[in-house]
Amino acid sequence: KGLKKGLKKGIAALTVTAMAFGMAG
């Protein structure tokens, strides 16, 4: 459960980061 929860957080963070880079681009 802890791994799944951490994985979801990681994916969310990566999505936000990608959006930020996309906006910067």
mmCIF file of all heavy atoms, coordinates in Angstrom:
data_MODEL
# 
_entry.id   MODEL 
# 
loop_
_atom_site.group_PDB 
_atom_site.id 
_atom_site.type_symbol 
_atom_site.label_atom_id 
_atom_site.label_alt_id 
_atom_site.label_comp_id 
_atom_site.label_asym_id 
_atom_site.label_entity_id 
_atom_site.label_seq_id 
_atom_site.pdbx_PDB_ins_code 
_atom_site.Cartn_x 
_atom_site.Cartn_y 
_atom_site.Cartn_z 
_atom_site.occupancy 
_atom_site.B_iso_or_equiv 
_atom_site.pdbx_formal_charge 
_atom_site.auth_seq_id 
_atom_site.auth_comp_id 
_atom_site.auth_asym_id 
_atom_site.auth_atom_id 
_atom_site.pdbx_PDB_model_num 
ATOM 1   N N   . LYS A 1 1  ? 0.831  -1.199 0.000   1.00 0.00 ? 1  LYS A N   1 
ATOM 2   C CA  . LYS A 1 1  ? 0.000  0.000  0.000   1.00 0.00 ? 1  LYS A CA  1 
ATOM 3   C C   . LYS A 1 1  ? 0.868  1.253  0.000   1.00 0.00 ? 1  LYS A C   1 
ATOM 4   O O   . LYS A 1 1  ? 0.605  2.246  -0.679  1.00 0.00 ? 1  LYS A O   1 
ATOM 5   C CB  . LYS A 1 1  ? -0.930 0.012  1.221   1.00 0.00 ? 1  LYS A CB  1 
ATOM 6   C CG  . LYS A 1 1  ? -2.076 -0.969 1.104   1.00 0.00 ? 1  LYS A CG  1 
ATOM 7   C CD  . LYS A 1 1  ? -2.954 -0.887 2.341   1.00 0.00 ? 1  LYS A CD  1 
ATOM 8   C CE  . LYS A 1 1  ? -4.135 -1.865 2.241   1.00 0.00 ? 1  LYS A CE  1 
ATOM 9   N NZ  . LYS A 1 1  ? -4.972 -1.813 3.459   1.00 0.00 ? 1  LYS A NZ  1 
ATOM 10  N N   . GLY A 1 2  ? 1.954  1.188  0.818   1.00 0.00 ? 2  GLY A N   1 
ATOM 11  C CA  . GLY A 1 2  ? 2.852  2.359  0.884   1.00 0.00 ? 2  GLY A CA  1 
ATOM 12  C C   . GLY A 1 2  ? 3.531  2.634  -0.446  1.00 0.00 ? 2  GLY A C   1 
ATOM 13  O O   . GLY A 1 2  ? 3.666  3.770  -0.881  1.00 0.00 ? 2  GLY A O   1 
ATOM 14  N N   . LEU A 1 3  ? 3.923  1.522  -1.132  1.00 0.00 ? 3  LEU A N   1 
ATOM 15  C CA  . LEU A 1 3  ? 4.585  1.697  -2.427  1.00 0.00 ? 3  LEU A CA  1 
ATOM 16  C C   . LEU A 1 3  ? 3.641  2.282  -3.465  1.00 0.00 ? 3  LEU A C   1 
ATOM 17  O O   . LEU A 1 3  ? 3.995  3.151  -4.249  1.00 0.00 ? 3  LEU A O   1 
ATOM 18  C CB  . LEU A 1 3  ? 5.115  0.345  -2.926  1.00 0.00 ? 3  LEU A CB  1 
ATOM 19  C CG  . LEU A 1 3  ? 6.356  -0.194 -2.201  1.00 0.00 ? 3  LEU A CG  1 
ATOM 20  C CD1 . LEU A 1 3  ? 6.653  -1.627 -2.629  1.00 0.00 ? 3  LEU A CD1 1 
ATOM 21  C CD2 . LEU A 1 3  ? 7.551  0.711  -2.488  1.00 0.00 ? 3  LEU A CD2 1 
ATOM 22  N N   . LYS A 1 4  ? 2.347  1.751  -3.452  1.00 0.00 ? 4  LYS A N   1 
ATOM 23  C CA  . LYS A 1 4  ? 1.367  2.267  -4.413  1.00 0.00 ? 4  LYS A CA  1 
ATOM 24  C C   . LYS A 1 4  ? 1.090  3.739  -4.159  1.00 0.00 ? 4  LYS A C   1 
ATOM 25  O O   . LYS A 1 4  ? 0.971  4.538  -5.081  1.00 0.00 ? 4  LYS A O   1 
ATOM 26  C CB  . LYS A 1 4  ? 0.065  1.469  -4.296  1.00 0.00 ? 4  LYS A CB  1 
ATOM 27  C CG  . LYS A 1 4  ? 0.176  0.064  -4.882  1.00 0.00 ? 4  LYS A CG  1 
ATOM 28  C CD  . LYS A 1 4  ? -1.150 -0.673 -4.727  1.00 0.00 ? 4  LYS A CD  1 
ATOM 29  C CE  . LYS A 1 4  ? -1.048 -2.076 -5.329  1.00 0.00 ? 4  LYS A CE  1 
ATOM 30  N NZ  . LYS A 1 4  ? -2.315 -2.810 -5.178  1.00 0.00 ? 4  LYS A NZ  1 
ATOM 31  N N   . LYS A 1 5  ? 0.964  4.083  -2.874  1.00 0.00 ? 5  LYS A N   1 
ATOM 32  C CA  . LYS A 1 5  ? 0.692  5.481  -2.527  1.00 0.00 ? 5  LYS A CA  1 
ATOM 33  C C   . LYS A 1 5  ? 1.849  6.386  -2.966  1.00 0.00 ? 5  LYS A C   1 
ATOM 34  O O   . LYS A 1 5  ? 1.659  7.463  -3.521  1.00 0.00 ? 5  LYS A O   1 
ATOM 35  C CB  . LYS A 1 5  ? 0.462  5.590  -1.016  1.00 0.00 ? 5  LYS A CB  1 
ATOM 36  C CG  . LYS A 1 5  ? -0.027 6.957  -0.562  1.00 0.00 ? 5  LYS A CG  1 
ATOM 37  C CD  . LYS A 1 5  ? -0.338 6.929  0.913   1.00 0.00 ? 5  LYS A CD  1 
ATOM 38  C CE  . LYS A 1 5  ? -0.863 8.284  1.392   1.00 0.00 ? 5  LYS A CE  1 
ATOM 39  N NZ  . LYS A 1 5  ? -1.159 8.288  2.843   1.00 0.00 ? 5  LYS A NZ  1 
ATOM 40  N N   . GLY A 1 6  ? 3.079  5.913  -2.732  1.00 0.00 ? 6  GLY A N   1 
ATOM 41  C CA  . GLY A 1 6  ? 4.253  6.705  -3.128  1.00 0.00 ? 6  GLY A CA  1 
ATOM 42  C C   . GLY A 1 6  ? 4.366  6.844  -4.629  1.00 0.00 ? 6  GLY A C   1 
ATOM 43  O O   . GLY A 1 6  ? 4.734  7.875  -5.157  1.00 0.00 ? 6  GLY A O   1 
ATOM 44  N N   . LEU A 1 7  ? 3.975  5.736  -5.348  1.00 0.00 ? 7  LEU A N   1 
ATOM 45  C CA  . LEU A 1 7  ? 4.041  5.763  -6.800  1.00 0.00 ? 7  LEU A CA  1 
ATOM 46  C C   . LEU A 1 7  ? 3.071  6.792  -7.371  1.00 0.00 ? 7  LEU A C   1 
ATOM 47  O O   . LEU A 1 7  ? 3.388  7.538  -8.289  1.00 0.00 ? 7  LEU A O   1 
ATOM 48  C CB  . LEU A 1 7  ? 3.726  4.377  -7.355  1.00 0.00 ? 7  LEU A CB  1 
ATOM 49  C CG  . LEU A 1 7  ? 3.825  4.202  -8.879  1.00 0.00 ? 7  LEU A CG  1 
ATOM 50  C CD1 . LEU A 1 7  ? 5.220  4.543  -9.357  1.00 0.00 ? 7  LEU A CD1 1 
ATOM 51  C CD2 . LEU A 1 7  ? 3.439  2.781  -9.267  1.00 0.00 ? 7  LEU A CD2 1 
ATOM 52  N N   . LYS A 1 8  ? 1.854  6.841  -6.808  1.00 0.00 ? 8  LYS A N   1 
ATOM 53  C CA  . LYS A 1 8  ? 0.849  7.803  -7.258  1.00 0.00 ? 8  LYS A CA  1 
ATOM 54  C C   . LYS A 1 8  ? 1.353  9.233  -7.047  1.00 0.00 ? 8  LYS A C   1 
ATOM 55  O O   . LYS A 1 8  ? 1.198  10.100 -7.892  1.00 0.00 ? 8  LYS A O   1 
ATOM 56  C CB  . LYS A 1 8  ? -0.463 7.604  -6.501  1.00 0.00 ? 8  LYS A CB  1 
ATOM 57  C CG  . LYS A 1 8  ? -1.223 6.370  -6.941  1.00 0.00 ? 8  LYS A CG  1 
ATOM 58  C CD  . LYS A 1 8  ? -2.520 6.226  -6.139  1.00 0.00 ? 8  LYS A CD  1 
ATOM 59  C CE  . LYS A 1 8  ? -3.294 4.987  -6.594  1.00 0.00 ? 8  LYS A CE  1 
ATOM 60  N NZ  . LYS A 1 8  ? -4.529 4.821  -5.804  1.00 0.00 ? 8  LYS A NZ  1 
ATOM 61  N N   . LYS A 1 9  ? 1.972  9.479  -5.886  1.00 0.00 ? 9  LYS A N   1 
ATOM 62  C CA  . LYS A 1 9  ? 2.510  10.819 -5.606  1.00 0.00 ? 9  LYS A CA  1 
ATOM 63  C C   . LYS A 1 9  ? 3.617  11.183 -6.600  1.00 0.00 ? 9  LYS A C   1 
ATOM 64  O O   . LYS A 1 9  ? 3.720  12.304 -7.079  1.00 0.00 ? 9  LYS A O   1 
ATOM 65  C CB  . LYS A 1 9  ? 3.056  10.897 -4.182  1.00 0.00 ? 9  LYS A CB  1 
ATOM 66  C CG  . LYS A 1 9  ? 1.967  10.933 -3.117  1.00 0.00 ? 9  LYS A CG  1 
ATOM 67  C CD  . LYS A 1 9  ? 2.587  11.079 -1.743  1.00 0.00 ? 9  LYS A CD  1 
ATOM 68  C CE  . LYS A 1 9  ? 1.518  11.184 -0.651  1.00 0.00 ? 9  LYS A CE  1 
ATOM 69  N NZ  . LYS A 1 9  ? 2.128  11.314 0.692   1.00 0.00 ? 9  LYS A NZ  1 
ATOM 70  N N   . GLY A 1 10 ? 4.440  10.165 -6.904  1.00 0.00 ? 10 GLY A N   1 
ATOM 71  C CA  . GLY A 1 10 ? 5.547  10.419 -7.826  1.00 0.00 ? 10 GLY A CA  1 
ATOM 72  C C   . GLY A 1 10 ? 5.061  10.763 -9.209  1.00 0.00 ? 10 GLY A C   1 
ATOM 73  O O   . GLY A 1 10 ? 5.548  11.675 -9.863  1.00 0.00 ? 10 GLY A O   1 
ATOM 74  N N   . ILE A 1 11 ? 3.999  10.008 -9.671  1.00 0.00 ? 11 ILE A N   1 
ATOM 75  C CA  . ILE A 1 11 ? 3.435  10.278 -10.994 1.00 0.00 ? 11 ILE A CA  1 
ATOM 76  C C   . ILE A 1 11 ? 2.818  11.657 -11.039 1.00 0.00 ? 11 ILE A C   1 
ATOM 77  O O   . ILE A 1 11 ? 2.973  12.412 -11.995 1.00 0.00 ? 11 ILE A O   1 
ATOM 78  C CB  . ILE A 1 11 ? 2.378  9.204  -11.349 1.00 0.00 ? 11 ILE A CB  1 
ATOM 79  C CG1 . ILE A 1 11 ? 3.067  7.844  -11.558 1.00 0.00 ? 11 ILE A CG1 1 
ATOM 80  C CG2 . ILE A 1 11 ? 1.597  9.591  -12.596 1.00 0.00 ? 11 ILE A CG2 1 
ATOM 81  C CD1 . ILE A 1 11 ? 2.113  6.690  -11.716 1.00 0.00 ? 11 ILE A CD1 1 
ATOM 82  N N   . ALA A 1 12 ? 2.122  12.018 -9.964  1.00 0.00 ? 12 ALA A N   1 
ATOM 83  C CA  . ALA A 1 12 ? 1.510  13.347 -9.903  1.00 0.00 ? 12 ALA A CA  1 
ATOM 84  C C   . ALA A 1 12 ? 2.565  14.444 -9.963  1.00 0.00 ? 12 ALA A C   1 
ATOM 85  O O   . ALA A 1 12 ? 2.416  15.453 -10.651 1.00 0.00 ? 12 ALA A O   1 
ATOM 86  C CB  . ALA A 1 12 ? 0.678  13.475 -8.615  1.00 0.00 ? 12 ALA A CB  1 
ATOM 87  N N   . ALA A 1 13 ? 3.658  14.230 -9.226  1.00 0.00 ? 13 ALA A N   1 
ATOM 88  C CA  . ALA A 1 13 ? 4.730  15.235 -9.215  1.00 0.00 ? 13 ALA A CA  1 
ATOM 89  C C   . ALA A 1 13 ? 5.361  15.378 -10.591 1.00 0.00 ? 13 ALA A C   1 
ATOM 90  O O   . ALA A 1 13 ? 5.649  16.475 -11.060 1.00 0.00 ? 13 ALA A O   1 
ATOM 91  C CB  . ALA A 1 13 ? 5.807  14.839 -8.187  1.00 0.00 ? 13 ALA A CB  1 
ATOM 92  N N   . LEU A 1 14 ? 5.557  14.194 -11.254 1.00 0.00 ? 14 LEU A N   1 
ATOM 93  C CA  . LEU A 1 14 ? 6.140  14.240 -12.590 1.00 0.00 ? 14 LEU A CA  1 
ATOM 94  C C   . LEU A 1 14 ? 5.225  14.957 -13.570 1.00 0.00 ? 14 LEU A C   1 
ATOM 95  O O   . LEU A 1 14 ? 5.668  15.709 -14.443 1.00 0.00 ? 14 LEU A O   1 
ATOM 96  C CB  . LEU A 1 14 ? 6.422  12.822 -13.103 1.00 0.00 ? 14 LEU A CB  1 
ATOM 97  C CG  . LEU A 1 14 ? 7.635  12.109 -12.494 1.00 0.00 ? 14 LEU A CG  1 
ATOM 98  C CD1 . LEU A 1 14 ? 7.647  10.636 -12.905 1.00 0.00 ? 14 LEU A CD1 1 
ATOM 99  C CD2 . LEU A 1 14 ? 8.914  12.793 -12.933 1.00 0.00 ? 14 LEU A CD2 1 
ATOM 100 N N   . THR A 1 15 ? 3.913  14.755 -13.419 1.00 0.00 ? 15 THR A N   1 
ATOM 101 C CA  . THR A 1 15 ? 2.949  15.413 -14.297 1.00 0.00 ? 15 THR A CA  1 
ATOM 102 C C   . THR A 1 15 ? 2.998  16.913 -14.135 1.00 0.00 ? 15 THR A C   1 
ATOM 103 O O   . THR A 1 15 ? 3.013  17.667 -15.103 1.00 0.00 ? 15 THR A O   1 
ATOM 104 C CB  . THR A 1 15 ? 1.525  14.908 -13.990 1.00 0.00 ? 15 THR A CB  1 
ATOM 105 O OG1 . THR A 1 15 ? 1.497  13.488 -14.150 1.00 0.00 ? 15 THR A OG1 1 
ATOM 106 C CG2 . THR A 1 15 ? 0.502  15.540 -14.924 1.00 0.00 ? 15 THR A CG2 1 
ATOM 107 N N   . VAL A 1 16 ? 3.047  17.358 -12.873 1.00 0.00 ? 16 VAL A N   1 
ATOM 108 C CA  . VAL A 1 16 ? 3.131  18.787 -12.603 1.00 0.00 ? 16 VAL A CA  1 
ATOM 109 C C   . VAL A 1 16 ? 4.413  19.373 -13.182 1.00 0.00 ? 16 VAL A C   1 
ATOM 110 O O   . VAL A 1 16 ? 4.432  20.432 -13.790 1.00 0.00 ? 16 VAL A O   1 
ATOM 111 C CB  . VAL A 1 16 ? 3.050  19.062 -11.074 1.00 0.00 ? 16 VAL A CB  1 
ATOM 112 C CG1 . VAL A 1 16 ? 3.366  20.518 -10.778 1.00 0.00 ? 16 VAL A CG1 1 
ATOM 113 C CG2 . VAL A 1 16 ? 1.665  18.706 -10.548 1.00 0.00 ? 16 VAL A CG2 1 
ATOM 114 N N   . THR A 1 17 ? 5.514  18.633 -12.980 1.00 0.00 ? 17 THR A N   1 
ATOM 115 C CA  . THR A 1 17 ? 6.815  19.100 -13.500 1.00 0.00 ? 17 THR A CA  1 
ATOM 116 C C   . THR A 1 17 ? 6.795  19.219 -15.023 1.00 0.00 ? 17 THR A C   1 
ATOM 117 O O   . THR A 1 17 ? 7.260  20.197 -15.600 1.00 0.00 ? 17 THR A O   1 
ATOM 118 C CB  . THR A 1 17 ? 7.938  18.131 -13.077 1.00 0.00 ? 17 THR A CB  1 
ATOM 119 O OG1 . THR A 1 17 ? 7.935  18.031 -11.671 1.00 0.00 ? 17 THR A OG1 1 
ATOM 120 C CG2 . THR A 1 17 ? 9.300  18.632 -13.553 1.00 0.00 ? 17 THR A CG2 1 
ATOM 121 N N   . ALA A 1 18 ? 6.191  18.173 -15.668 1.00 0.00 ? 18 ALA A N   1 
ATOM 122 C CA  . ALA A 1 18 ? 6.109  18.198 -17.131 1.00 0.00 ? 18 ALA A CA  1 
ATOM 123 C C   . ALA A 1 18 ? 5.279  19.366 -17.610 1.00 0.00 ? 18 ALA A C   1 
ATOM 124 O O   . ALA A 1 18 ? 5.628  20.034 -18.590 1.00 0.00 ? 18 ALA A O   1 
ATOM 125 C CB  . ALA A 1 18 ? 5.502  16.878 -17.635 1.00 0.00 ? 18 ALA A CB  1 
ATOM 126 N N   . MET A 1 19 ? 4.170  19.643 -16.909 1.00 0.00 ? 19 MET A N   1 
ATOM 127 C CA  . MET A 1 19 ? 3.338  20.782 -17.283 1.00 0.00 ? 19 MET A CA  1 
ATOM 128 C C   . MET A 1 19 ? 4.098  22.085 -17.134 1.00 0.00 ? 19 MET A C   1 
ATOM 129 O O   . MET A 1 19 ? 4.002  22.986 -17.960 1.00 0.00 ? 19 MET A O   1 
ATOM 130 C CB  . MET A 1 19 ? 2.079  20.808 -16.409 1.00 0.00 ? 19 MET A CB  1 
ATOM 131 C CG  . MET A 1 19 ? 1.089  19.687 -16.742 1.00 0.00 ? 19 MET A CG  1 
ATOM 132 S SD  . MET A 1 19 ? -0.301 19.674 -15.606 1.00 0.00 ? 19 MET A SD  1 
ATOM 133 C CE  . MET A 1 19 ? -1.078 21.218 -16.018 1.00 0.00 ? 19 MET A CE  1 
ATOM 134 N N   . ALA A 1 20 ? 4.876  22.151 -16.057 1.00 0.00 ? 20 ALA A N   1 
ATOM 135 C CA  . ALA A 1 20 ? 5.656  23.377 -15.823 1.00 0.00 ? 20 ALA A CA  1 
ATOM 136 C C   . ALA A 1 20 ? 6.667  23.595 -16.935 1.00 0.00 ? 20 ALA A C   1 
ATOM 137 O O   . ALA A 1 20 ? 6.832  24.688 -17.462 1.00 0.00 ? 20 ALA A O   1 
ATOM 138 C CB  . ALA A 1 20 ? 6.373  23.284 -14.462 1.00 0.00 ? 20 ALA A CB  1 
ATOM 139 N N   . PHE A 1 21 ? 7.366  22.487 -17.330 1.00 0.00 ? 21 PHE A N   1 
ATOM 140 C CA  . PHE A 1 21 ? 8.333  22.602 -18.421 1.00 0.00 ? 21 PHE A CA  1 
ATOM 141 C C   . PHE A 1 21 ? 7.646  22.956 -19.724 1.00 0.00 ? 21 PHE A C   1 
ATOM 142 O O   . PHE A 1 21 ? 8.150  23.730 -20.528 1.00 0.00 ? 21 PHE A O   1 
ATOM 143 C CB  . PHE A 1 21 ? 9.120  21.294 -18.608 1.00 0.00 ? 21 PHE A CB  1 
ATOM 144 C CG  . PHE A 1 21 ? 10.327 21.202 -17.726 1.00 0.00 ? 21 PHE A CG  1 
ATOM 145 C CD1 . PHE A 1 21 ? 10.364 20.312 -16.665 1.00 0.00 ? 21 PHE A CD1 1 
ATOM 146 C CD2 . PHE A 1 21 ? 11.425 22.015 -17.963 1.00 0.00 ? 21 PHE A CD2 1 
ATOM 147 C CE1 . PHE A 1 21 ? 11.478 20.244 -15.859 1.00 0.00 ? 21 PHE A CE1 1 
ATOM 148 C CE2 . PHE A 1 21 ? 12.547 21.944 -17.154 1.00 0.00 ? 21 PHE A CE2 1 
ATOM 149 C CZ  . PHE A 1 21 ? 12.574 21.054 -16.095 1.00 0.00 ? 21 PHE A CZ  1 
ATOM 150 N N   . GLY A 1 22 ? 6.447  22.355 -19.936 1.00 0.00 ? 22 GLY A N   1 
ATOM 151 C CA  . GLY A 1 22 ? 5.708  22.659 -21.155 1.00 0.00 ? 22 GLY A CA  1 
ATOM 152 C C   . GLY A 1 22 ? 5.323  24.107 -21.224 1.00 0.00 ? 22 GLY A C   1 
ATOM 153 O O   . GLY A 1 22 ? 5.454  24.766 -22.244 1.00 0.00 ? 22 GLY A O   1 
ATOM 154 N N   . MET A 1 23 ? 4.896  24.683 -20.077 1.00 0.00 ? 23 MET A N   1 
ATOM 155 C CA  . MET A 1 23 ? 4.530  26.091 -20.039 1.00 0.00 ? 23 MET A CA  1 
ATOM 156 C C   . MET A 1 23 ? 5.755  26.963 -20.263 1.00 0.00 ? 23 MET A C   1 
ATOM 157 O O   . MET A 1 23 ? 5.710  27.957 -20.965 1.00 0.00 ? 23 MET A O   1 
ATOM 158 C CB  . MET A 1 23 ? 3.873  26.431 -18.703 1.00 0.00 ? 23 MET A CB  1 
ATOM 159 C CG  . MET A 1 23 ? 2.491  25.807 -18.541 1.00 0.00 ? 23 MET A CG  1 
ATOM 160 S SD  . MET A 1 23 ? 1.831  26.072 -16.884 1.00 0.00 ? 23 MET A SD  1 
ATOM 161 C CE  . MET A 1 23 ? 1.540  27.826 -16.931 1.00 0.00 ? 23 MET A CE  1 
ATOM 162 N N   . ALA A 1 24 ? 6.873  26.539 -19.637 1.00 0.00 ? 24 ALA A N   1 
ATOM 163 C CA  . ALA A 1 24 ? 8.106  27.311 -19.823 1.00 0.00 ? 24 ALA A CA  1 
ATOM 164 C C   . ALA A 1 24 ? 8.535  27.282 -21.275 1.00 0.00 ? 24 ALA A C   1 
ATOM 165 O O   . ALA A 1 24 ? 8.985  28.275 -21.840 1.00 0.00 ? 24 ALA A O   1 
ATOM 166 C CB  . ALA A 1 24 ? 9.225  26.738 -18.933 1.00 0.00 ? 24 ALA A CB  1 
ATOM 167 N N   . GLY A 1 25 ? 8.371  26.072 -21.916 1.00 0.00 ? 25 GLY A N   1 
ATOM 168 C CA  . GLY A 1 25 ? 8.742  25.959 -23.323 1.00 0.00 ? 25 GLY A CA  1 
ATOM 169 C C   . GLY A 1 25 ? 7.893  26.859 -24.181 1.00 0.00 ? 25 GLY A C   1 
ATOM 170 O O   . GLY A 1 25 ? 8.378  27.506 -25.101 1.00 0.00 ? 25 GLY A O   1 
# 
